[in-house]
C-alpha cells in the first residue's frame, strides 16, 4: 500500500533491514567490550558497491568501522561483519526485515541488554 502516492508504508529509508549508523556503532562497541578491538572482515554485497560489478570485502579493526563510510567504492554500512574465527557474525541487508547476529550466549546477553534498540534473542526449537 502506498502512502500519498509515495513510498510503500512497509518500507522506509535507508532500507527496512539495514542498520543505521548509531545502531551499528553501538553493536560494534559491545563487540569490542566482549572480544577486544580485533581484526574483522567487512563484507559489502554487490548492490552496496558503487560499481555494481562485484562484492567487496575489507579487513580492518572493529574501531575502524567509521572509516568505511568515507570510502567512495561502497555505500552505507557493511552487509556482514565477522572475524576469521567465526565466533560471531552480523548480517544486515535492505532486503531483510531485521539484522541477524550470531554469537555466544554472553554476546547475545550483552546485546539484548541495550535499552535503546529492539534486540531479541532467538532460541532454536529443540529437535524431536
N, C-alpha and C. Protein backbone atom coordinates (compact mmCIF):
# COMPACT_ATOMS: atom_id res chain seq x y z
N UNK A 1 0.84 -1.17 0.00
CA UNK A 1 0.00 0.00 0.00
C UNK A 1 0.89 1.24 0.00
N UNK A 2 0.57 2.19 -0.84
CA UNK A 2 1.33 3.43 -0.92
C UNK A 2 0.67 4.50 -0.06
N UNK A 3 1.50 5.32 0.57
CA UNK A 3 1.02 6.42 1.38
C UNK A 3 1.13 7.69 0.54
N UNK A 4 0.04 8.34 0.24
CA UNK A 4 0.01 9.58 -0.54
C UNK A 4 0.79 9.46 -1.84
N UNK A 5 0.77 8.29 -2.50
CA UNK A 5 1.44 8.11 -3.76
C UNK A 5 2.95 8.05 -3.68
N UNK A 6 3.51 7.95 -2.47
CA UNK A 6 4.96 7.89 -2.30
C UNK A 6 5.41 6.47 -2.03
N UNK A 7 6.39 6.33 -1.14
CA UNK A 7 6.92 5.02 -0.79
C UNK A 7 5.84 4.13 -0.18
N UNK A 8 5.93 2.80 -0.39
CA UNK A 8 5.02 1.89 0.33
C UNK A 8 5.22 2.06 1.83
N UNK A 9 4.15 1.92 2.61
CA UNK A 9 4.26 2.18 4.04
C UNK A 9 5.02 1.10 4.81
N UNK A 10 5.36 -0.02 4.17
CA UNK A 10 6.13 -1.05 4.87
C UNK A 10 7.62 -0.97 4.56
N UNK A 11 8.04 0.07 3.87
CA UNK A 11 9.44 0.27 3.55
C UNK A 11 9.83 1.68 3.97
N UNK A 12 11.00 1.82 4.57
CA UNK A 12 11.45 3.15 4.94
C UNK A 12 12.94 3.28 4.65
N UNK A 13 13.43 4.50 4.61
CA UNK A 13 14.83 4.77 4.30
C UNK A 13 15.68 4.52 5.52
N UNK A 14 16.93 4.02 5.41
CA UNK A 14 17.59 3.69 4.18
C UNK A 14 17.06 2.41 3.57
N UNK A 15 16.70 1.45 4.37
CA UNK A 15 16.07 0.23 3.89
C UNK A 15 15.60 -0.53 5.12
N UNK A 16 14.64 -1.36 4.93
CA UNK A 16 13.95 -1.97 6.05
C UNK A 16 14.86 -2.72 7.02
N UNK A 17 15.75 -3.55 6.55
CA UNK A 17 16.56 -4.36 7.46
C UNK A 17 17.95 -3.85 7.71
N UNK A 18 18.33 -2.75 7.09
CA UNK A 18 19.68 -2.22 7.21
C UNK A 18 19.86 -1.49 8.54
N UNK A 19 21.04 -1.62 9.12
CA UNK A 19 21.34 -0.90 10.36
C UNK A 19 21.63 0.56 10.09
N UNK A 20 21.14 1.41 10.97
CA UNK A 20 21.50 2.82 10.90
C UNK A 20 22.85 2.99 11.58
N UNK A 21 23.50 4.12 11.32
CA UNK A 21 24.84 4.40 11.81
C UNK A 21 24.96 4.21 13.32
N UNK A 22 24.07 4.82 14.08
CA UNK A 22 24.16 4.74 15.54
C UNK A 22 23.97 3.32 16.05
N UNK A 23 23.11 2.55 15.40
CA UNK A 23 22.87 1.18 15.82
C UNK A 23 24.10 0.31 15.62
N UNK A 24 24.69 0.38 14.44
CA UNK A 24 25.85 -0.47 14.16
C UNK A 24 27.04 -0.04 15.01
N UNK A 25 27.17 1.25 15.31
CA UNK A 25 28.25 1.70 16.20
C UNK A 25 28.06 1.14 17.60
N UNK A 26 26.85 1.15 18.10
CA UNK A 26 26.58 0.64 19.45
C UNK A 26 26.83 -0.87 19.51
N UNK A 27 26.42 -1.60 18.49
CA UNK A 27 26.67 -3.04 18.44
C UNK A 27 28.17 -3.30 18.38
N UNK A 28 28.88 -2.52 17.56
CA UNK A 28 30.34 -2.63 17.47
C UNK A 28 31.00 -2.41 18.82
N UNK A 29 30.53 -1.43 19.58
CA UNK A 29 31.08 -1.15 20.90
C UNK A 29 30.91 -2.34 21.85
N UNK A 30 29.77 -3.01 21.75
CA UNK A 30 29.54 -4.22 22.56
C UNK A 30 30.50 -5.32 22.13
N UNK A 31 30.72 -5.45 20.82
CA UNK A 31 31.68 -6.45 20.33
C UNK A 31 33.08 -6.17 20.86
N UNK A 32 33.51 -4.91 20.85
CA UNK A 32 34.82 -4.56 21.38
C UNK A 32 34.90 -4.87 22.87
N UNK A 33 33.83 -4.59 23.62
CA UNK A 33 33.81 -4.92 25.05
C UNK A 33 33.96 -6.42 25.29
N UNK A 34 33.40 -7.23 24.39
CA UNK A 34 33.42 -8.68 24.56
C UNK A 34 34.65 -9.36 23.97
N UNK A 35 35.18 -8.83 22.85
CA UNK A 35 36.25 -9.51 22.13
C UNK A 35 37.52 -8.68 21.95
N UNK A 36 37.47 -7.40 22.30
CA UNK A 36 38.60 -6.52 22.06
C UNK A 36 38.51 -5.92 20.66
N UNK A 37 39.43 -5.05 20.34
CA UNK A 37 39.43 -4.37 19.05
C UNK A 37 40.12 -5.27 18.01
N UNK A 38 39.45 -6.36 17.68
CA UNK A 38 40.02 -7.38 16.81
C UNK A 38 39.87 -7.01 15.34
N UNK A 39 40.65 -7.70 14.50
CA UNK A 39 40.53 -7.53 13.05
C UNK A 39 39.36 -8.36 12.55
N UNK A 40 38.57 -7.76 11.67
CA UNK A 40 37.37 -8.41 11.15
C UNK A 40 37.28 -8.20 9.64
N UNK A 41 36.34 -8.91 9.04
CA UNK A 41 36.01 -8.74 7.63
C UNK A 41 34.75 -7.89 7.55
N UNK A 42 34.79 -6.89 6.68
CA UNK A 42 33.63 -6.05 6.40
C UNK A 42 33.19 -6.37 4.98
N UNK A 43 32.07 -7.04 4.85
CA UNK A 43 31.60 -7.53 3.55
C UNK A 43 30.46 -6.65 3.02
N UNK A 44 30.55 -6.26 1.78
CA UNK A 44 29.51 -5.48 1.10
C UNK A 44 28.99 -6.27 -0.08
N UNK A 45 27.67 -6.49 -0.15
CA UNK A 45 27.08 -7.15 -1.32
C UNK A 45 27.21 -6.24 -2.53
N UNK A 46 27.07 -6.81 -3.69
CA UNK A 46 27.28 -6.08 -4.95
C UNK A 46 26.43 -4.81 -5.05
N UNK A 47 25.21 -4.83 -4.53
CA UNK A 47 24.36 -3.64 -4.63
C UNK A 47 24.80 -2.51 -3.71
N UNK A 48 25.70 -2.79 -2.78
CA UNK A 48 26.25 -1.73 -1.94
C UNK A 48 27.59 -1.24 -2.46
N UNK A 49 28.07 -1.87 -3.53
CA UNK A 49 29.29 -1.41 -4.20
C UNK A 49 28.87 -0.42 -5.28
N UNK A 50 29.52 0.69 -5.34
CA UNK A 50 29.12 1.73 -6.31
C UNK A 50 29.23 1.27 -7.76
N UNK A 51 30.14 0.34 -8.05
CA UNK A 51 30.29 -0.13 -9.42
C UNK A 51 29.23 -1.17 -9.81
N UNK A 52 28.63 -1.83 -8.85
CA UNK A 52 27.65 -2.89 -9.06
C UNK A 52 28.22 -4.02 -9.89
N UNK A 53 29.53 -4.24 -9.80
CA UNK A 53 30.18 -5.30 -10.58
C UNK A 53 30.59 -6.49 -9.73
N UNK A 54 30.91 -6.26 -8.47
CA UNK A 54 31.38 -7.35 -7.62
C UNK A 54 31.18 -7.01 -6.15
N UNK A 55 31.06 -8.03 -5.34
CA UNK A 55 31.04 -7.84 -3.88
C UNK A 55 32.41 -7.32 -3.46
N UNK A 56 32.46 -6.66 -2.30
CA UNK A 56 33.72 -6.11 -1.79
C UNK A 56 33.87 -6.52 -0.33
N UNK A 57 35.08 -6.97 0.03
CA UNK A 57 35.39 -7.27 1.43
C UNK A 57 36.63 -6.48 1.83
N UNK A 58 36.51 -5.77 2.94
CA UNK A 58 37.64 -5.06 3.53
C UNK A 58 38.01 -5.75 4.83
N UNK A 59 39.26 -5.65 5.22
CA UNK A 59 39.70 -6.14 6.52
C UNK A 59 40.15 -4.94 7.35
N UNK A 60 39.79 -4.96 8.61
CA UNK A 60 40.20 -3.88 9.50
C UNK A 60 39.76 -4.16 10.91
N UNK A 61 40.17 -3.34 11.81
CA UNK A 61 39.78 -3.47 13.21
C UNK A 61 38.34 -2.99 13.39
N UNK A 62 37.71 -3.47 14.44
CA UNK A 62 36.35 -3.03 14.74
C UNK A 62 36.28 -1.52 14.90
N UNK A 63 37.33 -0.94 15.48
CA UNK A 63 37.35 0.52 15.71
C UNK A 63 37.46 1.31 14.41
N UNK A 64 37.72 0.66 13.29
CA UNK A 64 37.87 1.34 12.01
C UNK A 64 36.57 1.39 11.20
N UNK A 65 35.46 0.98 11.78
CA UNK A 65 34.18 0.94 11.08
C UNK A 65 33.85 2.28 10.42
N UNK A 66 33.99 3.36 11.15
CA UNK A 66 33.61 4.67 10.63
C UNK A 66 34.41 5.07 9.39
N UNK A 67 35.63 4.58 9.26
CA UNK A 67 36.45 4.94 8.09
C UNK A 67 35.87 4.36 6.80
N UNK A 68 35.07 3.30 6.91
CA UNK A 68 34.45 2.71 5.71
C UNK A 68 33.42 3.66 5.09
N UNK A 69 32.78 4.47 5.92
CA UNK A 69 31.75 5.38 5.42
C UNK A 69 32.35 6.50 4.57
N UNK A 70 33.66 6.65 4.63
CA UNK A 70 34.34 7.70 3.85
C UNK A 70 34.80 7.19 2.47
N UNK A 71 34.72 5.89 2.26
CA UNK A 71 35.19 5.30 1.00
C UNK A 71 34.21 5.56 -0.14
N UNK A 72 34.74 5.80 -1.31
CA UNK A 72 33.90 6.04 -2.49
C UNK A 72 33.36 4.75 -3.10
N UNK A 73 34.02 3.62 -2.85
CA UNK A 73 33.66 2.36 -3.50
C UNK A 73 32.40 1.70 -2.96
N UNK A 74 32.00 2.06 -1.74
CA UNK A 74 30.86 1.39 -1.10
C UNK A 74 29.88 2.41 -0.55
N UNK A 75 28.67 1.92 -0.25
CA UNK A 75 27.62 2.75 0.33
C UNK A 75 27.17 2.17 1.66
N UNK A 76 26.92 3.04 2.61
CA UNK A 76 26.28 2.68 3.87
C UNK A 76 27.12 1.69 4.70
N UNK A 77 26.44 0.97 5.57
CA UNK A 77 27.10 0.01 6.45
C UNK A 77 27.34 -1.30 5.73
N UNK A 78 28.31 -2.09 6.20
CA UNK A 78 28.58 -3.39 5.57
C UNK A 78 27.36 -4.32 5.66
N UNK A 79 27.27 -5.24 4.72
CA UNK A 79 26.21 -6.25 4.72
C UNK A 79 26.48 -7.33 5.76
N UNK A 80 27.76 -7.57 6.05
CA UNK A 80 28.15 -8.54 7.07
C UNK A 80 29.47 -8.09 7.69
N UNK A 81 29.60 -8.39 8.98
CA UNK A 81 30.84 -8.14 9.71
C UNK A 81 31.12 -9.43 10.49
N UNK A 82 32.34 -9.96 10.35
CA UNK A 82 32.67 -11.20 11.04
C UNK A 82 34.18 -11.35 11.15
N UNK A 83 34.66 -12.00 12.22
CA UNK A 83 36.09 -12.29 12.33
C UNK A 83 36.41 -13.61 11.62
N UNK A 84 37.69 -13.83 11.33
CA UNK A 84 38.10 -15.09 10.70
C UNK A 84 37.78 -16.29 11.59
N UNK A 85 37.76 -16.09 12.90
CA UNK A 85 37.47 -17.18 13.84
C UNK A 85 36.01 -17.64 13.76
N UNK A 86 35.16 -16.81 13.19
CA UNK A 86 33.72 -17.08 13.06
C UNK A 86 33.06 -17.26 14.43
N UNK A 87 33.60 -16.59 15.46
CA UNK A 87 32.99 -16.63 16.79
C UNK A 87 31.65 -15.92 16.82
N UNK A 88 31.45 -14.98 15.91
CA UNK A 88 30.20 -14.22 15.82
C UNK A 88 30.08 -13.69 14.39
N UNK A 89 28.89 -13.22 14.06
CA UNK A 89 28.65 -12.64 12.74
C UNK A 89 27.44 -11.72 12.81
N UNK A 90 27.52 -10.60 12.10
CA UNK A 90 26.39 -9.69 11.94
C UNK A 90 26.02 -9.71 10.46
N UNK A 91 24.75 -9.92 10.16
CA UNK A 91 24.28 -9.88 8.78
C UNK A 91 23.10 -8.92 8.73
N UNK A 92 23.22 -7.91 7.89
CA UNK A 92 22.15 -6.93 7.73
C UNK A 92 22.02 -6.61 6.26
N UNK A 93 20.81 -6.35 5.83
CA UNK A 93 20.60 -6.10 4.41
C UNK A 93 19.28 -5.38 4.22
N UNK A 94 19.21 -4.60 3.18
CA UNK A 94 17.99 -3.86 2.86
C UNK A 94 16.83 -4.79 2.52
N UNK A 95 17.10 -6.03 2.13
CA UNK A 95 16.03 -6.97 1.80
C UNK A 95 15.54 -7.78 3.00
N UNK A 96 16.25 -7.69 4.12
CA UNK A 96 15.86 -8.43 5.33
C UNK A 96 14.93 -7.58 6.18
N UNK A 97 14.11 -8.23 6.95
CA UNK A 97 13.24 -7.47 7.84
C UNK A 97 13.91 -7.15 9.17
N UNK A 98 15.12 -7.65 9.38
CA UNK A 98 15.85 -7.42 10.63
C UNK A 98 17.33 -7.67 10.38
N UNK A 99 18.13 -7.30 11.36
CA UNK A 99 19.55 -7.63 11.35
C UNK A 99 19.73 -8.87 12.20
N UNK A 100 20.56 -9.79 11.75
CA UNK A 100 20.78 -11.03 12.47
C UNK A 100 22.20 -11.05 13.00
N UNK A 101 22.33 -11.45 14.27
CA UNK A 101 23.63 -11.53 14.92
C UNK A 101 23.74 -12.90 15.56
N UNK A 102 24.77 -13.63 15.19
CA UNK A 102 25.02 -14.93 15.80
C UNK A 102 26.26 -14.82 16.66
N UNK A 103 26.24 -15.51 17.78
CA UNK A 103 27.40 -15.48 18.67
C UNK A 103 27.13 -16.24 19.95
N UNK A 104 28.03 -16.11 20.88
CA UNK A 104 27.91 -16.80 22.16
C UNK A 104 26.73 -16.26 22.96
N UNK A 105 26.31 -17.04 23.94
CA UNK A 105 25.23 -16.60 24.82
C UNK A 105 25.61 -15.31 25.54
N UNK A 106 26.88 -15.18 25.94
CA UNK A 106 27.32 -13.96 26.62
C UNK A 106 27.20 -12.75 25.71
N UNK A 107 27.59 -12.90 24.43
CA UNK A 107 27.47 -11.79 23.50
C UNK A 107 26.00 -11.42 23.31
N UNK A 108 25.16 -12.40 23.10
CA UNK A 108 23.74 -12.13 22.88
C UNK A 108 23.13 -11.46 24.10
N UNK A 109 23.52 -11.90 25.29
CA UNK A 109 23.03 -11.26 26.52
C UNK A 109 23.46 -9.80 26.58
N UNK A 110 24.71 -9.53 26.21
CA UNK A 110 25.20 -8.14 26.18
C UNK A 110 24.41 -7.29 25.21
N UNK A 111 24.09 -7.85 24.06
CA UNK A 111 23.35 -7.10 23.04
C UNK A 111 21.89 -6.87 23.43
N UNK A 112 21.25 -7.88 23.99
CA UNK A 112 19.84 -7.72 24.36
C UNK A 112 19.66 -6.79 25.54
N UNK A 113 20.75 -6.47 26.24
CA UNK A 113 20.65 -5.53 27.37
C UNK A 113 20.75 -4.07 26.93
N UNK A 114 20.96 -3.82 25.64
CA UNK A 114 20.97 -2.45 25.13
C UNK A 114 19.53 -1.94 25.12
N UNK A 115 19.27 -0.93 25.92
CA UNK A 115 17.90 -0.46 26.11
C UNK A 115 17.30 0.30 24.92
N UNK A 116 18.10 1.08 24.21
CA UNK A 116 17.51 1.96 23.20
C UNK A 116 17.13 1.26 21.90
N UNK A 117 17.48 -0.01 21.72
CA UNK A 117 17.14 -0.72 20.48
C UNK A 117 16.37 -1.99 20.80
N UNK A 118 15.55 -2.41 19.84
CA UNK A 118 14.80 -3.65 19.99
C UNK A 118 15.67 -4.81 19.51
N UNK A 119 16.33 -5.47 20.46
CA UNK A 119 17.19 -6.61 20.14
C UNK A 119 16.66 -7.80 20.93
N UNK A 120 16.39 -8.90 20.23
CA UNK A 120 15.77 -10.06 20.85
C UNK A 120 16.62 -11.30 20.61
N UNK A 121 16.66 -12.14 21.61
CA UNK A 121 17.33 -13.44 21.46
C UNK A 121 16.35 -14.40 20.79
N UNK A 122 16.86 -15.12 19.82
CA UNK A 122 16.06 -16.15 19.15
C UNK A 122 16.67 -17.50 19.52
N UNK A 123 15.88 -18.35 20.12
CA UNK A 123 16.35 -19.65 20.54
C UNK A 123 15.73 -20.71 19.64
N UNK A 124 16.55 -21.55 19.01
CA UNK A 124 16.00 -22.57 18.11
C UNK A 124 15.17 -23.60 18.86
N UNK A 125 14.19 -24.15 18.17
CA UNK A 125 13.38 -25.21 18.74
C UNK A 125 14.24 -26.45 18.89
N UNK A 126 13.98 -27.22 19.90
CA UNK A 126 14.70 -28.48 20.09
C UNK A 126 14.15 -29.53 19.14
N UNK A 127 15.03 -30.32 18.57
CA UNK A 127 14.60 -31.39 17.66
C UNK A 127 13.89 -32.48 18.44
N UNK A 128 12.92 -33.09 17.82
CA UNK A 128 12.18 -34.18 18.50
C UNK A 128 12.96 -35.45 18.53
